[in-house]
Full PDB file with SEQRES, HELIX, SHEET, SSBOND, CRYST1, ORIGX, SCALE, CONECT and MASTER records, all heavy atoms in Angstrom:
SEQRES   1 A   33  GLU LEU ASN VAL ASP ALA PHE LEU GLU GLN ALA ARG SER          
SEQRES   2 A   33  TYR ASP LYS ALA LYS SER SER SER PRO LEU GLY TRP TYR          
SEQRES   3 A   33  LEU SER ASN ALA GLN SER SER                                  
HELIX    1 AA1 VAL A    4  SER A   19  1                                  16    
HELIX    2 AA2 PRO A   22  SER A   32  1                                  11    
CRYST1    1.000    1.000    1.000  90.00  90.00  90.00 P 1           1          
ORIGX1      1.000000  0.000000  0.000000        0.00000                         
ORIGX2      0.000000  1.000000  0.000000        0.00000                         
ORIGX3      0.000000  0.000000  1.000000        0.00000                         
SCALE1      1.000000  0.000000  0.000000        0.00000                         
SCALE2      0.000000  1.000000  0.000000        0.00000                         
SCALE3      0.000000  0.000000  1.000000        0.00000                         
ATOM      1  N   GLU A   1      62.701 172.027  77.401  1.00  0.00           N  
ATOM      2  CA  GLU A   1      63.904 171.809  78.273  1.00  0.00           C  
ATOM      3  C   GLU A   1      63.495 171.187  79.617  1.00  0.00           C  
ATOM      4  O   GLU A   1      64.437 170.917  80.428  1.00  0.00           O  
ATOM      5  CB  GLU A   1      64.560 173.177  78.428  1.00  0.00           C  
ATOM      6  CG  GLU A   1      65.009 173.800  77.144  1.00  0.00           C  
ATOM      7  CD  GLU A   1      65.591 175.205  77.284  1.00  0.00           C  
ATOM      8  OE1 GLU A   1      66.506 175.314  78.207  1.00  0.00           O  
ATOM      9  OE2 GLU A   1      65.172 176.131  76.682  1.00  0.00           O  
ATOM     10  N   LEU A   2      62.261 171.062  79.906  1.00  0.00           N  
ATOM     11  CA  LEU A   2      61.919 170.539  81.217  1.00  0.00           C  
ATOM     12  C   LEU A   2      62.277 168.978  81.362  1.00  0.00           C  
ATOM     13  O   LEU A   2      62.141 168.316  80.277  1.00  0.00           O  
ATOM     14  CB  LEU A   2      60.328 170.778  81.542  1.00  0.00           C  
ATOM     15  CG  LEU A   2      60.056 172.128  81.856  1.00  0.00           C  
ATOM     16  CD1 LEU A   2      58.563 172.286  81.787  1.00  0.00           C  
ATOM     17  CD2 LEU A   2      60.668 172.722  83.084  1.00  0.00           C  
ATOM     18  N   ASN A   3      62.607 168.564  82.435  1.00  0.00           N  
ATOM     19  CA  ASN A   3      63.216 167.156  82.707  1.00  0.00           C  
ATOM     20  C   ASN A   3      62.311 166.498  83.724  1.00  0.00           C  
ATOM     21  O   ASN A   3      62.406 166.867  84.940  1.00  0.00           O  
ATOM     22  CB  ASN A   3      64.617 167.250  83.035  1.00  0.00           C  
ATOM     23  CG  ASN A   3      65.278 165.792  83.088  1.00  0.00           C  
ATOM     24  OD1 ASN A   3      64.631 164.864  83.710  1.00  0.00           O  
ATOM     25  ND2 ASN A   3      66.388 165.697  82.465  1.00  0.00           N  
ATOM     26  N   VAL A   4      61.557 165.424  83.416  1.00  0.00           N  
ATOM     27  CA  VAL A   4      60.617 164.775  84.378  1.00  0.00           C  
ATOM     28  C   VAL A   4      61.517 164.077  85.436  1.00  0.00           C  
ATOM     29  O   VAL A   4      61.087 164.122  86.582  1.00  0.00           O  
ATOM     30  CB  VAL A   4      59.780 163.731  83.675  1.00  0.00           C  
ATOM     31  CG1 VAL A   4      59.042 162.758  84.607  1.00  0.00           C  
ATOM     32  CG2 VAL A   4      58.749 164.428  82.847  1.00  0.00           C  
ATOM     33  N   ASP A   5      62.512 163.417  84.963  1.00  0.00           N  
ATOM     34  CA  ASP A   5      63.370 162.675  86.031  1.00  0.00           C  
ATOM     35  C   ASP A   5      64.037 163.608  87.042  1.00  0.00           C  
ATOM     36  O   ASP A   5      64.049 163.291  88.319  1.00  0.00           O  
ATOM     37  CB  ASP A   5      64.489 161.903  85.336  1.00  0.00           C  
ATOM     38  CG  ASP A   5      64.010 160.782  84.435  1.00  0.00           C  
ATOM     39  OD1 ASP A   5      62.938 160.175  84.926  1.00  0.00           O  
ATOM     40  OD2 ASP A   5      64.580 160.481  83.421  1.00  0.00           O  
ATOM     41  N   ALA A   6      64.400 164.770  86.662  1.00  0.00           N  
ATOM     42  CA  ALA A   6      64.961 165.866  87.513  1.00  0.00           C  
ATOM     43  C   ALA A   6      63.898 166.377  88.493  1.00  0.00           C  
ATOM     44  O   ALA A   6      64.094 166.532  89.631  1.00  0.00           O  
ATOM     45  CB  ALA A   6      65.572 167.019  86.735  1.00  0.00           C  
ATOM     46  N   PHE A   7      62.645 166.466  87.961  1.00  0.00           N  
ATOM     47  CA  PHE A   7      61.513 166.894  88.841  1.00  0.00           C  
ATOM     48  C   PHE A   7      61.211 165.811  89.912  1.00  0.00           C  
ATOM     49  O   PHE A   7      60.938 166.181  91.037  1.00  0.00           O  
ATOM     50  CB  PHE A   7      60.317 167.235  87.976  1.00  0.00           C  
ATOM     51  CG  PHE A   7      59.081 167.909  88.693  1.00  0.00           C  
ATOM     52  CD1 PHE A   7      59.377 169.153  89.286  1.00  0.00           C  
ATOM     53  CD2 PHE A   7      57.989 167.159  88.889  1.00  0.00           C  
ATOM     54  CE1 PHE A   7      58.296 169.712  89.999  1.00  0.00           C  
ATOM     55  CE2 PHE A   7      56.914 167.734  89.572  1.00  0.00           C  
ATOM     56  CZ  PHE A   7      57.047 169.077  90.089  1.00  0.00           C  
ATOM     57  N   LEU A   8      61.277 164.578  89.428  1.00  0.00           N  
ATOM     58  CA  LEU A   8      61.055 163.465  90.399  1.00  0.00           C  
ATOM     59  C   LEU A   8      62.174 163.435  91.562  1.00  0.00           C  
ATOM     60  O   LEU A   8      61.851 163.227  92.717  1.00  0.00           O  
ATOM     61  CB  LEU A   8      60.927 162.117  89.768  1.00  0.00           C  
ATOM     62  CG  LEU A   8      59.636 161.893  89.055  1.00  0.00           C  
ATOM     63  CD1 LEU A   8      59.709 160.608  88.138  1.00  0.00           C  
ATOM     64  CD2 LEU A   8      58.471 161.768  90.065  1.00  0.00           C  
ATOM     65  N   GLU A   9      63.410 163.744  91.114  1.00  0.00           N  
ATOM     66  CA  GLU A   9      64.427 163.820  92.079  1.00  0.00           C  
ATOM     67  C   GLU A   9      64.237 165.039  92.997  1.00  0.00           C  
ATOM     68  O   GLU A   9      64.491 164.924  94.226  1.00  0.00           O  
ATOM     69  CB  GLU A   9      65.873 163.914  91.371  1.00  0.00           C  
ATOM     70  CG  GLU A   9      66.993 163.918  92.271  1.00  0.00           C  
ATOM     71  CD  GLU A   9      67.108 162.604  93.129  1.00  0.00           C  
ATOM     72  OE1 GLU A   9      66.644 161.482  92.545  1.00  0.00           O  
ATOM     73  OE2 GLU A   9      67.387 162.736  94.234  1.00  0.00           O  
ATOM     74  N   GLN A  10      63.761 166.135  92.516  1.00  0.00           N  
ATOM     75  CA  GLN A  10      63.417 167.184  93.378  1.00  0.00           C  
ATOM     76  C   GLN A  10      62.230 166.815  94.413  1.00  0.00           C  
ATOM     77  O   GLN A  10      62.327 167.214  95.579  1.00  0.00           O  
ATOM     78  CB  GLN A  10      62.840 168.304  92.438  1.00  0.00           C  
ATOM     79  CG  GLN A  10      62.325 169.571  93.313  1.00  0.00           C  
ATOM     80  CD  GLN A  10      61.835 170.573  92.205  1.00  0.00           C  
ATOM     81  OE1 GLN A  10      62.138 170.633  90.987  1.00  0.00           O  
ATOM     82  NE2 GLN A  10      60.914 171.470  92.749  1.00  0.00           N  
ATOM     83  N   ALA A  11      61.301 165.944  93.980  1.00  0.00           N  
ATOM     84  CA  ALA A  11      60.277 165.506  94.836  1.00  0.00           C  
ATOM     85  C   ALA A  11      60.761 164.601  95.924  1.00  0.00           C  
ATOM     86  O   ALA A  11      60.415 164.686  97.133  1.00  0.00           O  
ATOM     87  CB  ALA A  11      59.267 164.684  94.022  1.00  0.00           C  
ATOM     88  N   ARG A  12      61.827 163.848  95.598  1.00  0.00           N  
ATOM     89  CA  ARG A  12      62.387 162.962  96.627  1.00  0.00           C  
ATOM     90  C   ARG A  12      63.145 163.810  97.605  1.00  0.00           C  
ATOM     91  O   ARG A  12      63.248 163.610  98.852  1.00  0.00           O  
ATOM     92  CB  ARG A  12      63.310 161.939  95.908  1.00  0.00           C  
ATOM     93  CG  ARG A  12      62.572 160.934  95.069  1.00  0.00           C  
ATOM     94  CD  ARG A  12      63.557 159.910  94.424  1.00  0.00           C  
ATOM     95  NE  ARG A  12      62.759 159.192  93.468  1.00  0.00           N  
ATOM     96  CZ  ARG A  12      62.963 159.241  92.102  1.00  0.00           C  
ATOM     97  NH1 ARG A  12      63.812 160.119  91.677  1.00  0.00           N  
ATOM     98  NH2 ARG A  12      62.305 158.629  91.258  1.00  0.00           N  
ATOM     99  N   SER A  13      63.822 164.908  97.141  1.00  0.00           N  
ATOM    100  CA  SER A  13      64.569 165.815  98.024  1.00  0.00           C  
ATOM    101  C   SER A  13      63.622 166.443  99.029  1.00  0.00           C  
ATOM    102  O   SER A  13      64.020 166.636 100.187  1.00  0.00           O  
ATOM    103  CB  SER A  13      65.262 166.820  97.190  1.00  0.00           C  
ATOM    104  OG  SER A  13      66.307 166.278  96.336  1.00  0.00           O  
ATOM    105  N   TYR A  14      62.439 166.783  98.544  1.00  0.00           N  
ATOM    106  CA  TYR A  14      61.501 167.447  99.474  1.00  0.00           C  
ATOM    107  C   TYR A  14      61.003 166.393 100.455  1.00  0.00           C  
ATOM    108  O   TYR A  14      60.888 166.780 101.673  1.00  0.00           O  
ATOM    109  CB  TYR A  14      60.254 167.925  98.658  1.00  0.00           C  
ATOM    110  CG  TYR A  14      59.251 168.549  99.511  1.00  0.00           C  
ATOM    111  CD1 TYR A  14      59.294 170.037  99.704  1.00  0.00           C  
ATOM    112  CD2 TYR A  14      58.164 167.879 100.000  1.00  0.00           C  
ATOM    113  CE1 TYR A  14      58.360 170.568 100.489  1.00  0.00           C  
ATOM    114  CE2 TYR A  14      57.165 168.480 100.760  1.00  0.00           C  
ATOM    115  CZ  TYR A  14      57.265 169.943 101.103  1.00  0.00           C  
ATOM    116  OH  TYR A  14      56.312 170.482 101.782  1.00  0.00           O  
ATOM    117  N   ASP A  15      60.767 165.136 100.054  1.00  0.00           N  
ATOM    118  CA  ASP A  15      60.432 164.085 101.066  1.00  0.00           C  
ATOM    119  C   ASP A  15      61.430 163.952 102.121  1.00  0.00           C  
ATOM    120  O   ASP A  15      61.135 163.899 103.356  1.00  0.00           O  
ATOM    121  CB  ASP A  15      60.327 162.731 100.368  1.00  0.00           C  
ATOM    122  CG  ASP A  15      58.982 162.604  99.674  1.00  0.00           C  
ATOM    123  OD1 ASP A  15      58.057 163.311  99.927  1.00  0.00           O  
ATOM    124  OD2 ASP A  15      58.742 161.644  98.887  1.00  0.00           O  
ATOM    125  N   LYS A  16      62.658 164.005 101.781  1.00  0.00           N  
ATOM    126  CA  LYS A  16      63.831 163.946 102.722  1.00  0.00           C  
ATOM    127  C   LYS A  16      63.747 165.125 103.606  1.00  0.00           C  
ATOM    128  O   LYS A  16      63.978 165.005 104.918  1.00  0.00           O  
ATOM    129  CB  LYS A  16      65.146 163.838 101.973  1.00  0.00           C  
ATOM    130  CG  LYS A  16      65.380 162.463 101.235  1.00  0.00           C  
ATOM    131  CD  LYS A  16      66.691 162.408 100.437  1.00  0.00           C  
ATOM    132  CE  LYS A  16      66.796 161.118  99.734  1.00  0.00           C  
ATOM    133  NZ  LYS A  16      68.032 161.156  98.788  1.00  0.00           N  
ATOM    134  N   ALA A  17      63.721 166.377 103.099  1.00  0.00           N  
ATOM    135  CA  ALA A  17      63.675 167.540 103.852  1.00  0.00           C  
ATOM    136  C   ALA A  17      62.526 167.508 104.948  1.00  0.00           C  
ATOM    137  O   ALA A  17      62.695 167.990 106.038  1.00  0.00           O  
ATOM    138  CB  ALA A  17      63.705 168.708 103.037  1.00  0.00           C  
ATOM    139  N   LYS A  18      61.430 167.073 104.412  1.00  0.00           N  
ATOM    140  CA  LYS A  18      60.196 167.055 105.216  1.00  0.00           C  
ATOM    141  C   LYS A  18      60.373 166.149 106.430  1.00  0.00           C  
ATOM    142  O   LYS A  18      59.857 166.383 107.478  1.00  0.00           O  
ATOM    143  CB  LYS A  18      58.977 166.706 104.360  1.00  0.00           C  
ATOM    144  CG  LYS A  18      57.621 166.726 105.134  1.00  0.00           C  
ATOM    145  CD  LYS A  18      56.586 166.287 104.228  1.00  0.00           C  
ATOM    146  CE  LYS A  18      56.632 164.812 103.810  1.00  0.00           C  
ATOM    147  NZ  LYS A  18      55.414 164.350 103.140  1.00  0.00           N  
ATOM    148  N   SER A  19      60.855 164.881 106.197  1.00  0.00           N  
ATOM    149  CA  SER A  19      61.017 163.834 107.214  1.00  0.00           C  
ATOM    150  C   SER A  19      62.226 163.998 107.970  1.00  0.00           C  
ATOM    151  O   SER A  19      62.426 163.115 109.007  1.00  0.00           O  
ATOM    152  CB  SER A  19      60.910 162.515 106.539  1.00  0.00           C  
ATOM    153  OG  SER A  19      62.038 162.338 105.559  1.00  0.00           O  
ATOM    154  N   SER A  20      63.116 164.956 107.768  1.00  0.00           N  
ATOM    155  CA  SER A  20      64.383 164.940 108.484  1.00  0.00           C  
ATOM    156  C   SER A  20      64.285 165.484 109.893  1.00  0.00           C  
ATOM    157  O   SER A  20      65.205 165.266 110.747  1.00  0.00           O  
ATOM    158  CB  SER A  20      65.369 165.912 107.630  1.00  0.00           C  
ATOM    159  OG  SER A  20      64.919 167.213 107.647  1.00  0.00           O  
ATOM    160  N   SER A  21      63.221 166.193 110.247  1.00  0.00           N  
ATOM    161  CA  SER A  21      62.992 166.666 111.621  1.00  0.00           C  
ATOM    162  C   SER A  21      61.628 167.046 111.871  1.00  0.00           C  
ATOM    163  O   SER A  21      60.795 167.233 110.925  1.00  0.00           O  
ATOM    164  CB  SER A  21      63.847 167.970 111.733  1.00  0.00           C  
ATOM    165  OG  SER A  21      63.331 169.069 110.948  1.00  0.00           O  
ATOM    166  N   PRO A  22      61.155 167.109 113.043  1.00  0.00           N  
ATOM    167  CA  PRO A  22      59.728 167.564 113.396  1.00  0.00           C  
ATOM    168  C   PRO A  22      59.453 168.886 112.805  1.00  0.00           C  
ATOM    169  O   PRO A  22      58.288 169.097 112.423  1.00  0.00           O  
ATOM    170  CB  PRO A  22      59.754 167.558 114.943  1.00  0.00           C  
ATOM    171  CG  PRO A  22      60.812 166.603 115.377  1.00  0.00           C  
ATOM    172  CD  PRO A  22      61.920 166.749 114.269  1.00  0.00           C  
ATOM    173  N   LEU A  23      60.344 169.713 112.747  1.00  0.00           N  
ATOM    174  CA  LEU A  23      60.171 171.116 112.271  1.00  0.00           C  
ATOM    175  C   LEU A  23      59.793 171.040 110.715  1.00  0.00           C  
ATOM    176  O   LEU A  23      59.003 171.662 110.202  1.00  0.00           O  
ATOM    177  CB  LEU A  23      61.398 172.044 112.345  1.00  0.00           C  
ATOM    178  CG  LEU A  23      61.292 173.366 111.822  1.00  0.00           C  
ATOM    179  CD1 LEU A  23      60.205 174.158 112.464  1.00  0.00           C  
ATOM    180  CD2 LEU A  23      62.681 174.173 112.094  1.00  0.00           C  
ATOM    181  N   GLY A  24      60.509 170.211 110.039  1.00  0.00           N  
ATOM    182  CA  GLY A  24      60.250 169.927 108.630  1.00  0.00           C  
ATOM    183  C   GLY A  24      58.834 169.488 108.351  1.00  0.00           C  
ATOM    184  O   GLY A  24      58.185 169.898 107.375  1.00  0.00           O  
ATOM    185  N   TRP A  25      58.471 168.475 109.199  1.00  0.00           N  
ATOM    186  CA  TRP A  25      57.071 167.968 109.098  1.00  0.00           C  
ATOM    187  C   TRP A  25      56.056 169.034 109.359  1.00  0.00           C  
ATOM    188  O   TRP A  25      55.071 169.136 108.676  1.00  0.00           O  
ATOM    189  CB  TRP A  25      56.939 166.828 110.073  1.00  0.00           C  
ATOM    190  CG  TRP A  25      55.573 166.227 110.146  1.00  0.00           C  
ATOM    191  CD1 TRP A  25      55.156 165.124 109.213  1.00  0.00           C  
ATOM    192  CD2 TRP A  25      54.406 166.536 110.841  1.00  0.00           C  
ATOM    193  NE1 TRP A  25      53.848 164.863 109.523  1.00  0.00           N  
ATOM    194  CE2 TRP A  25      53.453 165.645 110.524  1.00  0.00           C  
ATOM    195  CE3 TRP A  25      54.308 167.474 111.972  1.00  0.00           C  
ATOM    196  CZ2 TRP A  25      52.189 165.728 111.169  1.00  0.00           C  
ATOM    197  CZ3 TRP A  25      53.093 167.561 112.580  1.00  0.00           C  
ATOM    198  CH2 TRP A  25      52.054 166.679 112.165  1.00  0.00           C  
ATOM    199  N   TYR A  26      56.300 169.870 110.414  1.00  0.00           N  
ATOM    200  CA  TYR A  26      55.442 170.908 110.802  1.00  0.00           C  
ATOM    201  C   TYR A  26      55.271 171.974 109.721  1.00  0.00           C  
ATOM    202  O   TYR A  26      54.170 172.334 109.312  1.00  0.00           O  
ATOM    203  CB  TYR A  26      55.864 171.532 112.032  1.00  0.00           C  
ATOM    204  CG  TYR A  26      55.008 172.759 112.545  1.00  0.00           C  
ATOM    205  CD1 TYR A  26      53.760 172.676 113.159  1.00  0.00           C  
ATOM    206  CD2 TYR A  26      55.509 174.039 112.214  1.00  0.00           C  
ATOM    207  CE1 TYR A  26      53.039 173.839 113.377  1.00  0.00           C  
ATOM    208  CE2 TYR A  26      54.737 175.174 112.469  1.00  0.00           C  
ATOM    209  CZ  TYR A  26      53.484 175.057 113.062  1.00  0.00           C  
ATOM    210  OH  TYR A  26      52.856 176.110 113.326  1.00  0.00           O  
ATOM    211  N   LEU A  27      56.404 172.416 109.162  1.00  0.00           N  
ATOM    212  CA  LEU A  27      56.462 173.405 108.155  1.00  0.00           C  
ATOM    213  C   LEU A  27      55.730 172.918 106.884  1.00  0.00           C  
ATOM    214  O   LEU A  27      54.973 173.691 106.201  1.00  0.00           O  
ATOM    215  CB  LEU A  27      57.841 173.855 107.768  1.00  0.00           C  
ATOM    216  CG  LEU A  27      58.567 174.637 108.854  1.00  0.00           C  
ATOM    217  CD1 LEU A  27      59.971 174.929 108.490  1.00  0.00           C  
ATOM    218  CD2 LEU A  27      57.839 175.903 109.197  1.00  0.00           C  
ATOM    219  N   SER A  28      55.934 171.682 106.525  1.00  0.00           N  
ATOM    220  CA  SER A  28      55.217 171.050 105.346  1.00  0.00           C  
ATOM    221  C   SER A  28      53.746 171.100 105.575  1.00  0.00           C  
ATOM    222  O   SER A  28      52.966 171.449 104.563  1.00  0.00           O  
ATOM    223  CB  SER A  28      55.671 169.664 105.170  1.00  0.00           C  
ATOM    224  OG  SER A  28      54.994 169.030 104.173  1.00  0.00           O  
ATOM    225  N   ASN A  29      53.190 170.693 106.706  1.00  0.00           N  
ATOM    226  CA  ASN A  29      51.783 170.730 106.947  1.00  0.00           C  
ATOM    227  C   ASN A  29      51.287 172.186 106.919  1.00  0.00           C  
ATOM    228  O   ASN A  29      50.212 172.405 106.433  1.00  0.00           O  
ATOM    229  CB  ASN A  29      51.476 170.023 108.319  1.00  0.00           C  
ATOM    230  CG  ASN A  29      51.492 168.581 108.202  1.00  0.00           C  
ATOM    231  OD1 ASN A  29      51.114 168.045 107.165  1.00  0.00           O  
ATOM    232  ND2 ASN A  29      52.041 167.910 109.224  1.00  0.00           N  
ATOM    233  N   ALA A  30      52.011 173.078 107.617  1.00  0.00           N  
ATOM    234  CA  ALA A  30      51.615 174.432 107.462  1.00  0.00           C  
ATOM    235  C   ALA A  30      51.483 175.001 106.131  1.00  0.00           C  
ATOM    236  O   ALA A  30      50.669 175.809 105.762  1.00  0.00           O  
ATOM    237  CB  ALA A  30      52.564 175.334 108.352  1.00  0.00           C  
ATOM    238  N   GLN A  31      52.404 174.574 105.266  1.00  0.00           N  
ATOM    239  CA  GLN A  31      52.499 175.078 103.908  1.00  0.00           C  
ATOM    240  C   GLN A  31      51.324 174.567 103.068  1.00  0.00           C  
ATOM    241  O   GLN A  31      50.764 175.293 102.251  1.00  0.00           O  
ATOM    242  CB  GLN A  31      53.789 174.508 103.224  1.00  0.00           C  
ATOM    243  CG  GLN A  31      54.056 175.040 101.854  1.00  0.00           C  
ATOM    244  CD  GLN A  31      55.370 174.421 101.254  1.00  0.00           C  
ATOM    245  OE1 GLN A  31      55.825 173.440 101.741  1.00  0.00           O  
ATOM    246  NE2 GLN A  31      55.902 175.146 100.249  1.00  0.00           N  
ATOM    247  N   SER A  32      50.724 173.367 103.474  1.00  0.00           N  
ATOM    248  CA  SER A  32      49.658 172.818 102.633  1.00  0.00           C  
ATOM    249  C   SER A  32      48.312 173.105 103.201  1.00  0.00           C  
ATOM    250  O   SER A  32      47.259 172.796 102.491  1.00  0.00           O  
ATOM    251  CB  SER A  32      49.911 171.246 102.656  1.00  0.00           C  
ATOM    252  OG  SER A  32      51.127 170.886 102.069  1.00  0.00           O  
ATOM    253  N   SER A  33      48.214 173.525 104.423  1.00  0.00           N  
ATOM    254  CA  SER A  33      46.889 173.459 105.166  1.00  0.00           C  
ATOM    255  C   SER A  33      45.737 174.251 104.552  1.00  0.00           C  
ATOM    256  O   SER A  33      44.656 173.894 104.622  1.00  0.00           O  
ATOM    257  CB  SER A  33      47.058 173.909 106.665  1.00  0.00           C  
ATOM    258  OG  SER A  33      47.563 175.199 106.629  1.00  0.00           O  
TER     259      SER A  33                                                      
MASTER        0    0    0    2    0    0    0    6  258    1    0    3          
END                                                                             
């Protein structure tokens, strides 16, 4: 039942959320560090 296209759309949403503000960028880096 998993959908690759939906997962890629989820990835694009994450990109948008990350780049929408300095806080989003900071939290993304903190999440990955």
